[in-house]
Amino acid sequence: MRVLVSLAAASLVAIIVASPVAARTVRMETVVALGDRSEPSIKQALQEAFETSLRGAVAMGFSRMRVSGARVLPDSVVLATIATDEDEADDDQDLDQGTLRESLRKTM
């Protein structure tokens, strides 16, 4: 009986200690008002939306963020991003405001 109890206790400890850690992922949409529909206004609104999303992701403790889409509406810009703390095998970069800001500039 002692052997059975010891095995059960060891199994329980192994399950608790070796439990997988689930990565957190969140999809965010940031809306910024447009003054007009000129290209500089759209770029400025996208930059502001990106920086707002980045600050939110950092505040929530996420280590990675990527842009999943952007829409220009008649009076606003909507930027969709996905933030995660999951380590990915692809070429995504860790959150670094300078690097991410530079990547955004290259896409505009």
N, C-alpha and C. Protein backbone atom coordinates (compact mmCIF):
# COMPACT_ATOMS: atom_id res chain seq x y z
N MET A 1 0.82 -1.19 0.00
CA MET A 1 0.00 0.00 0.00
C MET A 1 0.87 1.27 0.00
N ARG A 2 1.98 1.23 0.76
CA ARG A 2 2.87 2.38 0.80
C ARG A 2 3.45 2.68 -0.58
N VAL A 3 3.76 1.64 -1.32
CA VAL A 3 4.33 1.81 -2.65
C VAL A 3 3.32 2.51 -3.55
N LEU A 4 2.05 2.11 -3.46
CA LEU A 4 0.99 2.72 -4.27
C LEU A 4 0.81 4.19 -3.92
N VAL A 5 0.83 4.51 -2.64
CA VAL A 5 0.70 5.90 -2.20
C VAL A 5 1.90 6.72 -2.66
N SER A 6 3.09 6.14 -2.56
CA SER A 6 4.30 6.84 -3.01
C SER A 6 4.27 7.10 -4.51
N LEU A 7 3.83 6.11 -5.29
CA LEU A 7 3.72 6.29 -6.73
C LEU A 7 2.68 7.35 -7.09
N ALA A 8 1.57 7.34 -6.39
CA ALA A 8 0.52 8.34 -6.64
C ALA A 8 1.03 9.74 -6.31
N ALA A 9 1.73 9.87 -5.20
CA ALA A 9 2.27 11.18 -4.81
C ALA A 9 3.32 11.65 -5.81
N ALA A 10 4.19 10.74 -6.24
CA ALA A 10 5.22 11.10 -7.21
C ALA A 10 4.60 11.51 -8.54
N SER A 11 3.56 10.80 -8.96
CA SER A 11 2.86 11.14 -10.21
C SER A 11 2.22 12.51 -10.11
N LEU A 12 1.60 12.79 -8.98
CA LEU A 12 0.95 14.09 -8.79
C LEU A 12 1.97 15.21 -8.82
N VAL A 13 3.10 15.03 -8.17
CA VAL A 13 4.16 16.04 -8.19
C VAL A 13 4.68 16.24 -9.61
N ALA A 14 4.87 15.16 -10.35
CA ALA A 14 5.36 15.26 -11.72
C ALA A 14 4.38 16.01 -12.61
N ILE A 15 3.10 15.77 -12.42
CA ILE A 15 2.09 16.47 -13.22
C ILE A 15 2.08 17.96 -12.90
N ILE A 16 2.16 18.29 -11.64
CA ILE A 16 2.13 19.70 -11.24
C ILE A 16 3.39 20.43 -11.71
N VAL A 17 4.55 19.82 -11.53
CA VAL A 17 5.82 20.45 -11.89
C VAL A 17 5.98 20.55 -13.40
N ALA A 18 5.57 19.53 -14.13
CA ALA A 18 5.80 19.48 -15.58
C ALA A 18 4.61 19.98 -16.39
N SER A 19 3.72 20.72 -15.77
CA SER A 19 2.56 21.20 -16.53
C SER A 19 3.01 22.22 -17.57
N PRO A 20 2.48 22.14 -18.77
CA PRO A 20 2.90 23.06 -19.83
C PRO A 20 2.43 24.49 -19.54
N VAL A 21 3.22 25.42 -19.96
CA VAL A 21 2.88 26.83 -19.79
C VAL A 21 2.20 27.30 -21.08
N ALA A 22 1.01 27.80 -20.94
CA ALA A 22 0.27 28.28 -22.11
C ALA A 22 0.69 29.71 -22.42
N ALA A 23 0.93 29.96 -23.68
CA ALA A 23 1.28 31.32 -24.11
C ALA A 23 0.02 32.17 -24.18
N ARG A 24 0.17 33.42 -23.81
CA ARG A 24 -0.95 34.35 -23.90
C ARG A 24 -0.87 35.07 -25.24
N THR A 25 -2.02 35.27 -25.85
CA THR A 25 -2.10 36.00 -27.11
C THR A 25 -3.32 36.89 -27.07
N VAL A 26 -3.17 38.11 -27.57
CA VAL A 26 -4.30 39.03 -27.61
C VAL A 26 -4.30 39.76 -28.95
N ARG A 27 -5.50 39.97 -29.48
CA ARG A 27 -5.65 40.76 -30.71
C ARG A 27 -6.20 42.12 -30.30
N MET A 28 -5.53 43.16 -30.75
CA MET A 28 -5.95 44.52 -30.39
C MET A 28 -6.30 45.30 -31.65
N GLU A 29 -7.28 46.16 -31.55
CA GLU A 29 -7.58 47.12 -32.62
C GLU A 29 -7.52 48.51 -32.01
N THR A 30 -6.72 49.36 -32.60
CA THR A 30 -6.55 50.73 -32.13
C THR A 30 -7.11 51.67 -33.18
N VAL A 31 -7.99 52.56 -32.76
CA VAL A 31 -8.65 53.51 -33.67
C VAL A 31 -8.12 54.91 -33.36
N VAL A 32 -7.70 55.61 -34.42
CA VAL A 32 -7.21 56.99 -34.29
C VAL A 32 -7.98 57.85 -35.28
N ALA A 33 -8.46 58.99 -34.82
CA ALA A 33 -9.23 59.90 -35.67
C ALA A 33 -8.32 60.55 -36.72
N LEU A 34 -8.89 60.77 -37.90
CA LEU A 34 -8.18 61.45 -38.99
C LEU A 34 -8.66 62.89 -39.09
N GLY A 35 -7.71 63.81 -39.24
CA GLY A 35 -8.08 65.21 -39.48
C GLY A 35 -8.58 65.38 -40.91
N ASP A 36 -7.87 64.76 -41.83
CA ASP A 36 -8.28 64.74 -43.24
C ASP A 36 -7.74 63.45 -43.85
N ARG A 37 -8.01 63.21 -45.12
CA ARG A 37 -7.60 61.96 -45.75
C ARG A 37 -6.31 62.10 -46.57
N SER A 38 -5.50 63.09 -46.24
CA SER A 38 -4.23 63.25 -46.95
C SER A 38 -3.25 62.15 -46.51
N GLU A 39 -2.28 61.87 -47.36
CA GLU A 39 -1.30 60.83 -47.05
C GLU A 39 -0.53 61.12 -45.76
N PRO A 40 -0.06 62.36 -45.53
CA PRO A 40 0.63 62.64 -44.27
C PRO A 40 -0.25 62.41 -43.04
N SER A 41 -1.54 62.77 -43.14
CA SER A 41 -2.45 62.55 -42.01
C SER A 41 -2.65 61.07 -41.74
N ILE A 42 -2.76 60.28 -42.80
CA ILE A 42 -2.94 58.84 -42.65
C ILE A 42 -1.69 58.22 -42.03
N LYS A 43 -0.51 58.62 -42.51
CA LYS A 43 0.74 58.10 -41.95
C LYS A 43 0.88 58.46 -40.48
N GLN A 44 0.55 59.70 -40.14
CA GLN A 44 0.64 60.13 -38.74
C GLN A 44 -0.33 59.34 -37.86
N ALA A 45 -1.55 59.12 -38.35
CA ALA A 45 -2.54 58.36 -37.59
C ALA A 45 -2.09 56.91 -37.41
N LEU A 46 -1.52 56.31 -38.46
CA LEU A 46 -1.00 54.94 -38.34
C LEU A 46 0.14 54.87 -37.34
N GLN A 47 1.02 55.85 -37.38
CA GLN A 47 2.14 55.89 -36.43
C GLN A 47 1.62 55.99 -34.99
N GLU A 48 0.65 56.87 -34.79
CA GLU A 48 0.07 57.04 -33.45
C GLU A 48 -0.62 55.76 -32.99
N ALA A 49 -1.36 55.11 -33.89
CA ALA A 49 -2.04 53.86 -33.54
C ALA A 49 -1.02 52.77 -33.20
N PHE A 50 0.06 52.71 -33.96
CA PHE A 50 1.10 51.72 -33.71
C PHE A 50 1.74 51.94 -32.34
N GLU A 51 2.09 53.17 -32.05
CA GLU A 51 2.74 53.48 -30.77
C GLU A 51 1.80 53.20 -29.60
N THR A 52 0.51 53.50 -29.77
CA THR A 52 -0.47 53.21 -28.73
C THR A 52 -0.58 51.70 -28.50
N SER A 53 -0.63 50.94 -29.59
CA SER A 53 -0.70 49.47 -29.49
C SER A 53 0.56 48.92 -28.83
N LEU A 54 1.70 49.45 -29.20
CA LEU A 54 2.97 49.01 -28.63
C LEU A 54 3.01 49.26 -27.13
N ARG A 55 2.60 50.45 -26.71
CA ARG A 55 2.57 50.76 -25.27
C ARG A 55 1.63 49.81 -24.53
N GLY A 56 0.48 49.51 -25.13
CA GLY A 56 -0.46 48.58 -24.51
C GLY A 56 0.11 47.18 -24.39
N ALA A 57 0.78 46.71 -25.44
CA ALA A 57 1.38 45.37 -25.41
C ALA A 57 2.46 45.28 -24.35
N VAL A 58 3.29 46.30 -24.26
CA VAL A 58 4.36 46.32 -23.25
C VAL A 58 3.75 46.37 -21.85
N ALA A 59 2.71 47.17 -21.66
CA ALA A 59 2.07 47.29 -20.35
C ALA A 59 1.44 45.97 -19.91
N MET A 60 0.96 45.18 -20.87
CA MET A 60 0.36 43.89 -20.54
C MET A 60 1.40 42.78 -20.40
N GLY A 61 2.67 43.10 -20.63
CA GLY A 61 3.74 42.14 -20.44
C GLY A 61 4.03 41.24 -21.63
N PHE A 62 3.58 41.63 -22.81
CA PHE A 62 3.85 40.82 -24.00
C PHE A 62 5.24 41.11 -24.54
N SER A 63 5.87 40.09 -25.11
CA SER A 63 7.23 40.26 -25.62
C SER A 63 7.29 40.38 -27.14
N ARG A 64 6.19 40.09 -27.82
CA ARG A 64 6.17 40.17 -29.29
C ARG A 64 4.87 40.82 -29.75
N MET A 65 4.98 41.53 -30.88
CA MET A 65 3.80 42.14 -31.46
C MET A 65 3.97 42.20 -32.96
N ARG A 66 2.87 41.97 -33.68
CA ARG A 66 2.91 42.11 -35.14
C ARG A 66 1.63 42.77 -35.61
N VAL A 67 1.75 43.48 -36.71
CA VAL A 67 0.59 44.14 -37.31
C VAL A 67 -0.13 43.11 -38.16
N SER A 68 -1.44 42.99 -37.95
CA SER A 68 -2.20 42.01 -38.73
C SER A 68 -3.10 42.68 -39.76
N GLY A 69 -3.22 44.01 -39.71
CA GLY A 69 -4.01 44.69 -40.72
C GLY A 69 -4.23 46.15 -40.36
N ALA A 70 -4.62 46.92 -41.36
CA ALA A 70 -4.92 48.34 -41.17
C ALA A 70 -6.03 48.73 -42.13
N ARG A 71 -6.91 49.62 -41.66
CA ARG A 71 -8.00 50.12 -42.51
C ARG A 71 -8.08 51.63 -42.37
N VAL A 72 -8.31 52.28 -43.48
CA VAL A 72 -8.54 53.72 -43.48
C VAL A 72 -10.02 53.92 -43.72
N LEU A 73 -10.70 54.46 -42.73
CA LEU A 73 -12.13 54.76 -42.82
C LEU A 73 -12.29 56.24 -43.13
N PRO A 74 -13.50 56.71 -43.43
CA PRO A 74 -13.67 58.13 -43.78
C PRO A 74 -13.15 59.11 -42.72
N ASP A 75 -13.28 58.75 -41.43
CA ASP A 75 -12.88 59.69 -40.39
C ASP A 75 -11.87 59.11 -39.39
N SER A 76 -11.35 57.92 -39.66
CA SER A 76 -10.40 57.30 -38.72
C SER A 76 -9.55 56.24 -39.40
N VAL A 77 -8.52 55.82 -38.67
CA VAL A 77 -7.65 54.72 -39.09
C VAL A 77 -7.75 53.65 -38.02
N VAL A 78 -7.88 52.39 -38.46
CA VAL A 78 -7.94 51.26 -37.54
C VAL A 78 -6.73 50.38 -37.79
N LEU A 79 -5.95 50.14 -36.75
CA LEU A 79 -4.77 49.28 -36.85
C LEU A 79 -5.01 48.04 -36.00
N ALA A 80 -4.94 46.87 -36.61
CA ALA A 80 -5.11 45.60 -35.91
C ALA A 80 -3.74 44.99 -35.65
N THR A 81 -3.48 44.61 -34.40
CA THR A 81 -2.21 44.00 -34.03
C THR A 81 -2.47 42.74 -33.21
N ILE A 82 -1.49 41.87 -33.19
CA ILE A 82 -1.54 40.68 -32.36
C ILE A 82 -0.30 40.70 -31.48
N ALA A 83 -0.51 40.63 -30.17
CA ALA A 83 0.59 40.61 -29.21
C ALA A 83 0.61 39.26 -28.51
N THR A 84 1.80 38.75 -28.25
CA THR A 84 1.93 37.45 -27.61
C THR A 84 3.20 37.39 -26.78
N ASP A 85 3.24 36.44 -25.87
CA ASP A 85 4.48 36.18 -25.14
C ASP A 85 5.05 34.83 -25.55
N GLU A 86 4.53 34.28 -26.64
CA GLU A 86 4.98 32.99 -27.16
C GLU A 86 6.26 33.16 -27.96
N ASP A 87 7.20 32.25 -27.76
CA ASP A 87 8.42 32.24 -28.58
C ASP A 87 8.09 31.58 -29.90
N GLU A 88 8.29 32.31 -30.98
CA GLU A 88 7.99 31.77 -32.30
C GLU A 88 9.29 31.46 -33.02
N ALA A 89 9.25 30.46 -33.89
CA ALA A 89 10.44 30.04 -34.61
C ALA A 89 10.73 30.90 -35.83
N ASP A 90 9.78 31.76 -36.21
CA ASP A 90 9.99 32.57 -37.40
C ASP A 90 10.84 33.80 -37.09
N ASP A 91 10.88 34.74 -38.01
CA ASP A 91 11.77 35.89 -37.90
C ASP A 91 11.18 37.08 -37.16
N ASP A 92 10.08 36.89 -36.41
CA ASP A 92 9.52 38.01 -35.65
C ASP A 92 10.57 38.52 -34.67
N GLN A 93 10.53 39.83 -34.42
CA GLN A 93 11.50 40.43 -33.52
C GLN A 93 10.84 40.75 -32.20
N ASP A 94 11.63 40.74 -31.13
CA ASP A 94 11.12 41.14 -29.83
C ASP A 94 10.70 42.59 -29.88
N LEU A 95 9.84 42.97 -28.93
CA LEU A 95 9.39 44.35 -28.88
C LEU A 95 10.57 45.27 -28.63
N ASP A 96 10.81 46.11 -29.53
CA ASP A 96 11.84 47.12 -29.43
C ASP A 96 11.28 48.32 -30.17
N GLN A 97 10.99 49.39 -29.46
CA GLN A 97 10.29 50.51 -30.08
C GLN A 97 11.00 51.03 -31.31
N GLY A 98 12.30 51.15 -31.27
CA GLY A 98 13.03 51.67 -32.43
C GLY A 98 12.94 50.74 -33.62
N THR A 99 13.14 49.45 -33.40
CA THR A 99 13.09 48.47 -34.49
C THR A 99 11.69 48.39 -35.08
N LEU A 100 10.68 48.32 -34.22
CA LEU A 100 9.31 48.22 -34.72
C LEU A 100 8.88 49.50 -35.43
N ARG A 101 9.28 50.63 -34.91
CA ARG A 101 8.94 51.90 -35.54
C ARG A 101 9.58 51.97 -36.93
N GLU A 102 10.83 51.51 -37.04
CA GLU A 102 11.52 51.50 -38.33
C GLU A 102 10.83 50.55 -39.31
N SER A 103 10.38 49.40 -38.83
CA SER A 103 9.66 48.45 -39.69
C SER A 103 8.38 49.07 -40.22
N LEU A 104 7.68 49.81 -39.37
CA LEU A 104 6.44 50.47 -39.79
C LEU A 104 6.74 51.53 -40.84
N ARG A 105 7.81 52.28 -40.67
CA ARG A 105 8.16 53.32 -41.66
C ARG A 105 8.45 52.69 -43.02
N LYS A 106 9.09 51.54 -43.03
CA LYS A 106 9.42 50.87 -44.30
C LYS A 106 8.18 50.41 -45.04
N THR A 107 7.11 50.09 -44.31
CA THR A 107 5.89 49.61 -44.97
C THR A 107 5.03 50.74 -45.49
N MET A 108 5.31 51.97 -45.08
CA MET A 108 4.46 53.10 -45.52
C MET A 108 5.06 53.79 -46.70
